[in-house]
Amino acid sequence: MYEELFYVTYRRGIQKAHRDEEDLFLLLCYCEMLGIPNPVSYYTLELYPVIYERFHEWHVRMGMEQSPIEGIRCC
C-alpha cells in the first residue's frame, strides 16, 4: 500500500523518465542508419527485430512525420 501511495505522486514523472530513456536507447540503436557513427552497431543488430514494432511510435514522438530511414517503411 505504501508503495502505491509513493508511485501515485510520482507516476507521471517516472513514466516520462522511462519514455526518455527508451527514446535514447532507440536513437542509439538506429543512429548508424541515420548517419551517426555507432561503435556498438554489431551488438545492436540483433535487437532490430525486437524494437521494430516500436519504431513508428518513436519517430512520431521525435517529430518526424515520415520514417527517417529509407529501408524501414512503417507509415
PDB file of N, CA and C in Angstrom:
ATOM      1  N   MET A   1       0.813  -1.184   0.000  1.00  0.00           N
ATOM      2  CA  MET A   1       0.000   0.000   0.000  1.00  0.00           C
ATOM      3  C   MET A   1       0.865   1.261   0.000  1.00  0.00           C
ATOM      4  N   TYR A   2       1.925   1.264   0.795  1.00  0.00           N
ATOM      5  CA  TYR A   2       2.807   2.420   0.847  1.00  0.00           C
ATOM      6  C   TYR A   2       3.499   2.641  -0.490  1.00  0.00           C
ATOM      7  N   GLU A   3       3.818   1.551  -1.139  1.00  0.00           N
ATOM      8  CA  GLU A   3       4.469   1.649  -2.443  1.00  0.00           C
ATOM      9  C   GLU A   3       3.547   2.321  -3.462  1.00  0.00           C
ATOM     10  N   GLU A   4       2.280   1.966  -3.457  1.00  0.00           N
ATOM     11  CA  GLU A   4       1.313   2.584  -4.363  1.00  0.00           C
ATOM     12  C   GLU A   4       1.150   4.067  -4.066  1.00  0.00           C
ATOM     13  N   LEU A   5       1.100   4.437  -2.808  1.00  0.00           N
ATOM     14  CA  LEU A   5       0.980   5.851  -2.450  1.00  0.00           C
ATOM     15  C   LEU A   5       2.175   6.657  -2.942  1.00  0.00           C
ATOM     16  N   PHE A   6       3.349   6.070  -2.888  1.00  0.00           N
ATOM     17  CA  PHE A   6       4.536   6.746  -3.380  1.00  0.00           C
ATOM     18  C   PHE A   6       4.475   6.924  -4.899  1.00  0.00           C
ATOM     19  N   TYR A   7       4.100   5.858  -5.615  1.00  0.00           N
ATOM     20  CA  TYR A   7       4.080   5.916  -7.069  1.00  0.00           C
ATOM     21  C   TYR A   7       2.947   6.780  -7.620  1.00  0.00           C
ATOM     22  N   VAL A   8       1.855   6.917  -6.895  1.00  0.00           N
ATOM     23  CA  VAL A   8       0.758   7.763  -7.364  1.00  0.00           C
ATOM     24  C   VAL A   8       1.236   9.209  -7.491  1.00  0.00           C
ATOM     25  N   THR A   9       2.031   9.660  -6.552  1.00  0.00           N
ATOM     26  CA  THR A   9       2.521  11.030  -6.561  1.00  0.00           C
ATOM     27  C   THR A   9       3.494  11.279  -7.704  1.00  0.00           C
ATOM     28  N   TYR A  10       4.337  10.302  -7.995  1.00  0.00           N
ATOM     29  CA  TYR A  10       5.416  10.499  -8.965  1.00  0.00           C
ATOM     30  C   TYR A  10       5.234   9.700 -10.249  1.00  0.00           C
ATOM     31  N   ARG A  11       4.061   9.118 -10.477  1.00  0.00           N
ATOM     32  CA  ARG A  11       3.833   8.242 -11.621  1.00  0.00           C
ATOM     33  C   ARG A  11       4.113   8.943 -12.956  1.00  0.00           C
ATOM     34  N   ARG A  12       3.627  10.156 -13.131  1.00  0.00           N
ATOM     35  CA  ARG A  12       3.817  10.870 -14.393  1.00  0.00           C
ATOM     36  C   ARG A  12       5.304  11.153 -14.645  1.00  0.00           C
ATOM     37  N   GLY A  13       6.022  11.543 -13.633  1.00  0.00           N
ATOM     38  CA  GLY A  13       7.453  11.798 -13.778  1.00  0.00           C
ATOM     39  C   GLY A  13       8.233  10.540 -14.087  1.00  0.00           C
ATOM     40  N   ILE A  14       7.861   9.435 -13.444  1.00  0.00           N
ATOM     41  CA  ILE A  14       8.524   8.161 -13.692  1.00  0.00           C
ATOM     42  C   ILE A  14       8.249   7.685 -15.110  1.00  0.00           C
ATOM     43  N   GLN A  15       7.021   7.840 -15.595  1.00  0.00           N
ATOM     44  CA  GLN A  15       6.692   7.442 -16.965  1.00  0.00           C
ATOM     45  C   GLN A  15       7.447   8.282 -17.981  1.00  0.00           C
ATOM     46  N   LYS A  16       7.575   9.578 -17.728  1.00  0.00           N
ATOM     47  CA  LYS A  16       8.308  10.443 -18.654  1.00  0.00           C
ATOM     48  C   LYS A  16       9.786  10.071 -18.677  1.00  0.00           C
ATOM     49  N   ALA A  17      10.360   9.797 -17.524  1.00  0.00           N
ATOM     50  CA  ALA A  17      11.768   9.409 -17.469  1.00  0.00           C
ATOM     51  C   ALA A  17      11.996   8.088 -18.196  1.00  0.00           C
ATOM     52  N   HIS A  18      11.075   7.150 -18.032  1.00  0.00           N
ATOM     53  CA  HIS A  18      11.181   5.865 -18.728  1.00  0.00           C
ATOM     54  C   HIS A  18      11.084   6.061 -20.240  1.00  0.00           C
ATOM     55  N   ARG A  19      10.163   6.899 -20.690  1.00  0.00           N
ATOM     56  CA  ARG A  19       9.997   7.162 -22.118  1.00  0.00           C
ATOM     57  C   ARG A  19      11.247   7.846 -22.687  1.00  0.00           C
ATOM     58  N   ASP A  20      11.835   8.776 -21.935  1.00  0.00           N
ATOM     59  CA  ASP A  20      13.057   9.445 -22.385  1.00  0.00           C
ATOM     60  C   ASP A  20      14.218   8.462 -22.521  1.00  0.00           C
ATOM     61  N   GLU A  21      14.340   7.539 -21.563  1.00  0.00           N
ATOM     62  CA  GLU A  21      15.394   6.526 -21.638  1.00  0.00           C
ATOM     63  C   GLU A  21      15.181   5.608 -22.832  1.00  0.00           C
ATOM     64  N   GLU A  22      13.941   5.229 -23.091  1.00  0.00           N
ATOM     65  CA  GLU A  22      13.648   4.371 -24.226  1.00  0.00           C
ATOM     66  C   GLU A  22      13.922   5.093 -25.545  1.00  0.00           C
ATOM     67  N   ASP A  23      13.610   6.392 -25.623  1.00  0.00           N
ATOM     68  CA  ASP A  23      13.901   7.171 -26.825  1.00  0.00           C
ATOM     69  C   ASP A  23      15.405   7.230 -27.086  1.00  0.00           C
ATOM     70  N   LEU A  24      16.178   7.449 -26.046  1.00  0.00           N
ATOM     71  CA  LEU A  24      17.625   7.492 -26.192  1.00  0.00           C
ATOM     72  C   LEU A  24      18.164   6.131 -26.631  1.00  0.00           C
ATOM     73  N   PHE A  25      17.643   5.063 -26.066  1.00  0.00           N
ATOM     74  CA  PHE A  25      18.073   3.719 -26.447  1.00  0.00           C
ATOM     75  C   PHE A  25      17.773   3.441 -27.920  1.00  0.00           C
ATOM     76  N   LEU A  26      16.570   3.810 -28.388  1.00  0.00           N
ATOM     77  CA  LEU A  26      16.227   3.600 -29.791  1.00  0.00           C
ATOM     78  C   LEU A  26      17.100   4.459 -30.697  1.00  0.00           C
ATOM     79  N   LEU A  27      17.425   5.673 -30.279  1.00  0.00           N
ATOM     80  CA  LEU A  27      18.321   6.512 -31.069  1.00  0.00           C
ATOM     81  C   LEU A  27      19.687   5.864 -31.181  1.00  0.00           C
ATOM     82  N   LEU A  28      20.194   5.319 -30.091  1.00  0.00           N
ATOM     83  CA  LEU A  28      21.490   4.651 -30.139  1.00  0.00           C
ATOM     84  C   LEU A  28      21.457   3.427 -31.039  1.00  0.00           C
ATOM     85  N   CYS A  29      20.344   2.719 -31.051  1.00  0.00           N
ATOM     86  CA  CYS A  29      20.243   1.529 -31.902  1.00  0.00           C
ATOM     87  C   CYS A  29      20.167   1.892 -33.379  1.00  0.00           C
ATOM     88  N   TYR A  30      19.455   2.962 -33.708  1.00  0.00           N
ATOM     89  CA  TYR A  30      19.248   3.338 -35.107  1.00  0.00           C
ATOM     90  C   TYR A  30      20.179   4.451 -35.583  1.00  0.00           C
ATOM     91  N   CYS A  31      21.137   4.884 -34.767  1.00  0.00           N
ATOM     92  CA  CYS A  31      21.930   6.050 -35.138  1.00  0.00           C
ATOM     93  C   CYS A  31      22.775   5.803 -36.381  1.00  0.00           C
ATOM     94  N   GLU A  32      23.262   4.612 -36.612  1.00  0.00           N
ATOM     95  CA  GLU A  32      24.070   4.364 -37.812  1.00  0.00           C
ATOM     96  C   GLU A  32      23.222   4.493 -39.072  1.00  0.00           C
ATOM     97  N   MET A  33      21.968   4.076 -39.002  1.00  0.00           N
ATOM     98  CA  MET A  33      21.086   4.229 -40.154  1.00  0.00           C
ATOM     99  C   MET A  33      20.741   5.693 -40.399  1.00  0.00           C
ATOM    100  N   LEU A  34      20.832   6.514 -39.368  1.00  0.00           N
ATOM    101  CA  LEU A  34      20.556   7.945 -39.501  1.00  0.00           C
ATOM    102  C   LEU A  34      21.802   8.738 -39.893  1.00  0.00           C
ATOM    103  N   GLY A  35      22.951   8.076 -40.024  1.00  0.00           N
ATOM    104  CA  GLY A  35      24.177   8.747 -40.445  1.00  0.00           C
ATOM    105  C   GLY A  35      25.108   9.117 -39.320  1.00  0.00           C
ATOM    106  N   ILE A  36      24.826   8.667 -38.117  1.00  0.00           N
ATOM    107  CA  ILE A  36      25.680   8.951 -36.969  1.00  0.00           C
ATOM    108  C   ILE A  36      26.500   7.695 -36.701  1.00  0.00           C
ATOM    109  N   PRO A  37      27.829   7.785 -36.627  1.00  0.00           N
ATOM    110  CA  PRO A  37      28.629   6.586 -36.391  1.00  0.00           C
ATOM    111  C   PRO A  37      28.295   5.934 -35.046  1.00  0.00           C
ATOM    112  N   ASN A  38      28.179   4.623 -35.072  1.00  0.00           N
ATOM    113  CA  ASN A  38      27.819   3.875 -33.866  1.00  0.00           C
ATOM    114  C   ASN A  38      28.890   2.822 -33.615  1.00  0.00           C
ATOM    115  N   PRO A  39      29.666   2.941 -32.545  1.00  0.00           N
ATOM    116  CA  PRO A  39      30.729   1.972 -32.290  1.00  0.00           C
ATOM    117  C   PRO A  39      30.222   0.597 -31.874  1.00  0.00           C
ATOM    118  N   VAL A  40      28.984   0.482 -31.440  1.00  0.00           N
ATOM    119  CA  VAL A  40      28.464  -0.813 -30.996  1.00  0.00           C
ATOM    120  C   VAL A  40      27.389  -1.342 -31.940  1.00  0.00           C
ATOM    121  N   SER A  41      27.451  -0.976 -33.207  1.00  0.00           N
ATOM    122  CA  SER A  41      26.412  -1.383 -34.150  1.00  0.00           C
ATOM    123  C   SER A  41      26.341  -2.894 -34.312  1.00  0.00           C
ATOM    124  N   TYR A  42      27.470  -3.570 -34.187  1.00  0.00           N
ATOM    125  CA  TYR A  42      27.476  -5.027 -34.303  1.00  0.00           C
ATOM    126  C   TYR A  42      26.586  -5.656 -33.236  1.00  0.00           C
ATOM    127  N   TYR A  43      26.584  -5.118 -32.047  1.00  0.00           N
ATOM    128  CA  TYR A  43      25.813  -5.681 -30.948  1.00  0.00           C
ATOM    129  C   TYR A  43      24.340  -5.287 -31.011  1.00  0.00           C
ATOM    130  N   THR A  44      24.040  -4.160 -31.644  1.00  0.00           N
ATOM    131  CA  THR A  44      22.647  -3.736 -31.716  1.00  0.00           C
ATOM    132  C   THR A  44      21.892  -4.354 -32.887  1.00  0.00           C
ATOM    133  N   LEU A  45      22.594  -4.987 -33.819  1.00  0.00           N
ATOM    134  CA  LEU A  45      21.918  -5.602 -34.967  1.00  0.00           C
ATOM    135  C   LEU A  45      20.908  -6.655 -34.542  1.00  0.00           C
ATOM    136  N   GLU A  46      21.224  -7.416 -33.526  1.00  0.00           N
ATOM    137  CA  GLU A  46      20.302  -8.473 -33.103  1.00  0.00           C
ATOM    138  C   GLU A  46      19.084  -7.923 -32.357  1.00  0.00           C
ATOM    139  N   LEU A  47      19.091  -6.652 -32.006  1.00  0.00           N
ATOM    140  CA  LEU A  47      17.946  -6.049 -31.331  1.00  0.00           C
ATOM    141  C   LEU A  47      16.905  -5.504 -32.299  1.00  0.00           C
ATOM    142  N   TYR A  48      17.247  -5.306 -33.570  1.00  0.00           N
ATOM    143  CA  TYR A  48      16.323  -4.694 -34.526  1.00  0.00           C
ATOM    144  C   TYR A  48      14.979  -5.409 -34.632  1.00  0.00           C
ATOM    145  N   PRO A  49      14.926  -6.732 -34.703  1.00  0.00           N
ATOM    146  CA  PRO A  49      13.596  -7.371 -34.781  1.00  0.00           C
ATOM    147  C   PRO A  49      12.733  -7.104 -33.552  1.00  0.00           C
ATOM    148  N   VAL A  50      13.345  -6.939 -32.411  1.00  0.00           N
ATOM    149  CA  VAL A  50      12.599  -6.720 -31.175  1.00  0.00           C
ATOM    150  C   VAL A  50      12.039  -5.300 -31.118  1.00  0.00           C
ATOM    151  N   ILE A  51      12.812  -4.314 -31.563  1.00  0.00           N
ATOM    152  CA  ILE A  51      12.390  -2.923 -31.441  1.00  0.00           C
ATOM    153  C   ILE A  51      11.731  -2.388 -32.703  1.00  0.00           C
ATOM    154  N   TYR A  52      11.589  -3.199 -33.726  1.00  0.00           N
ATOM    155  CA  TYR A  52      10.997  -2.752 -34.984  1.00  0.00           C
ATOM    156  C   TYR A  52       9.559  -2.284 -34.802  1.00  0.00           C
ATOM    157  N   GLU A  53       8.777  -2.960 -33.963  1.00  0.00           N
ATOM    158  CA  GLU A  53       7.377  -2.592 -33.763  1.00  0.00           C
ATOM    159  C   GLU A  53       7.231  -1.212 -33.119  1.00  0.00           C
ATOM    160  N   ARG A  54       8.205  -0.815 -32.313  1.00  0.00           N
ATOM    161  CA  ARG A  54       8.120   0.470 -31.621  1.00  0.00           C
ATOM    162  C   ARG A  54       8.726   1.621 -32.413  1.00  0.00           C
ATOM    163  N   PHE A  55       9.277   1.337 -33.598  1.00  0.00           N
ATOM    164  CA  PHE A  55       9.968   2.363 -34.369  1.00  0.00           C
ATOM    165  C   PHE A  55       9.022   3.478 -34.800  1.00  0.00           C
ATOM    166  N   HIS A  56       7.820   3.133 -35.246  1.00  0.00           N
ATOM    167  CA  HIS A  56       6.867   4.151 -35.702  1.00  0.00           C
ATOM    168  C   HIS A  56       6.504   5.108 -34.572  1.00  0.00           C
ATOM    169  N   GLU A  57       6.188   4.581 -33.409  1.00  0.00           N
ATOM    170  CA  GLU A  57       5.855   5.434 -32.268  1.00  0.00           C
ATOM    171  C   GLU A  57       7.017   6.359 -31.921  1.00  0.00           C
ATOM    172  N   TRP A  58       8.237   5.830 -32.028  1.00  0.00           N
ATOM    173  CA  TRP A  58       9.418   6.607 -31.675  1.00  0.00           C
ATOM    174  C   TRP A  58       9.631   7.775 -32.633  1.00  0.00           C
ATOM    175  N   HIS A  59       9.598   7.524 -33.947  1.00  0.00           N
ATOM    176  CA  HIS A  59       9.916   8.616 -34.859  1.00  0.00           C
ATOM    177  C   HIS A  59       8.798   9.667 -34.897  1.00  0.00           C
ATOM    178  N   VAL A  60       7.560   9.286 -34.599  1.00  0.00           N
ATOM    179  CA  VAL A  60       6.490  10.279 -34.495  1.00  0.00           C
ATOM    180  C   VAL A  60       6.697  11.122 -33.243  1.00  0.00           C
ATOM    181  N   ARG A  61       7.094  10.491 -32.131  1.00  0.00           N
ATOM    182  CA  ARG A  61       7.347  11.218 -30.889  1.00  0.00           C
ATOM    183  C   ARG A  61       8.544  12.163 -31.022  1.00  0.00           C
ATOM    184  N   MET A  62       9.508  11.820 -31.892  1.00  0.00           N
ATOM    185  CA  MET A  62      10.673  12.668 -32.113  1.00  0.00           C
ATOM    186  C   MET A  62      10.386  13.817 -33.072  1.00  0.00           C
ATOM    187  N   GLY A  63       9.176  13.851 -33.644  1.00  0.00           N
ATOM    188  CA  GLY A  63       8.788  14.953 -34.507  1.00  0.00           C
ATOM    189  C   GLY A  63       8.998  14.698 -35.989  1.00  0.00           C
ATOM    190  N   MET A  64       9.274  13.459 -36.363  1.00  0.00           N
ATOM    191  CA  MET A  64       9.462  13.106 -37.765  1.00  0.00           C
ATOM    192  C   MET A  64       8.173  12.489 -38.285  1.00  0.00           C
ATOM    193  N   GLU A  65       7.540  13.125 -39.272  1.00  0.00           N
ATOM    194  CA  GLU A  65       6.269  12.611 -39.786  1.00  0.00           C
ATOM    195  C   GLU A  65       6.449  11.322 -40.570  1.00  0.00           C
ATOM    196  N   GLN A  66       7.513  11.241 -41.354  1.00  0.00           N
ATOM    197  CA  GLN A  66       7.810  10.040 -42.135  1.00  0.00           C
ATOM    198  C   GLN A  66       9.012   9.338 -41.516  1.00  0.00           C
ATOM    199  N   SER A  67       9.174   8.086 -41.859  1.00  0.00           N
ATOM    200  CA  SER A  67      10.311   7.328 -41.365  1.00  0.00           C
ATOM    201  C   SER A  67      11.616   7.933 -41.894  1.00  0.00           C
ATOM    202  N   PRO A  68      12.580   8.234 -41.037  1.00  0.00           N
ATOM    203  CA  PRO A  68      13.817   8.845 -41.498  1.00  0.00           C
ATOM    204  C   PRO A  68      14.762   7.847 -42.167  1.00  0.00           C
ATOM    205  N   ILE A  69      14.452   6.571 -42.079  1.00  0.00           N
ATOM    206  CA  ILE A  69      15.311   5.528 -42.628  1.00  0.00           C
ATOM    207  C   ILE A  69      14.646   4.960 -43.862  1.00  0.00           C
ATOM    208  N   GLU A  70      15.368   4.947 -44.967  1.00  0.00           N
ATOM    209  CA  GLU A  70      14.776   4.504 -46.232  1.00  0.00           C
ATOM    210  C   GLU A  70      14.375   3.037 -46.212  1.00  0.00           C
ATOM    211  N   GLY A  71      15.126   2.208 -45.517  1.00  0.00           N
ATOM    212  CA  GLY A  71      14.846   0.774 -45.515  1.00  0.00           C
ATOM    213  C   GLY A  71      13.646   0.376 -44.675  1.00  0.00           C
ATOM    214  N   ILE A  72      13.185   1.242 -43.803  1.00  0.00           N
ATOM    215  CA  ILE A  72      12.059   0.929 -42.930  1.00  0.00           C
ATOM    216  C   ILE A  72      10.860   1.773 -43.339  1.00  0.00           C
ATOM    217  N   ARG A  73       9.844   1.141 -43.846  1.00  0.00           N
ATOM    218  CA  ARG A  73       8.612   1.819 -44.230  1.00  0.00           C
ATOM    219  C   ARG A  73       7.520   1.427 -43.241  1.00  0.00           C
ATOM    220  N   CYS A  74       7.270   2.275 -42.270  1.00  0.00           N
ATOM    221  CA  CYS A  74       6.273   1.948 -41.261  1.00  0.00           C
ATOM    222  C   CYS A  74       5.014   2.805 -41.420  1.00  0.00           C
ATOM    223  N   CYS A  75       5.084   3.873 -42.178  1.00  0.00           N
ATOM    224  CA  CYS A  75       3.951   4.784 -42.298  1.00  0.00           C
ATOM    225  C   CYS A  75       3.179   4.541 -43.575  1.00  0.00           C
TER     226      CYS A  75
END
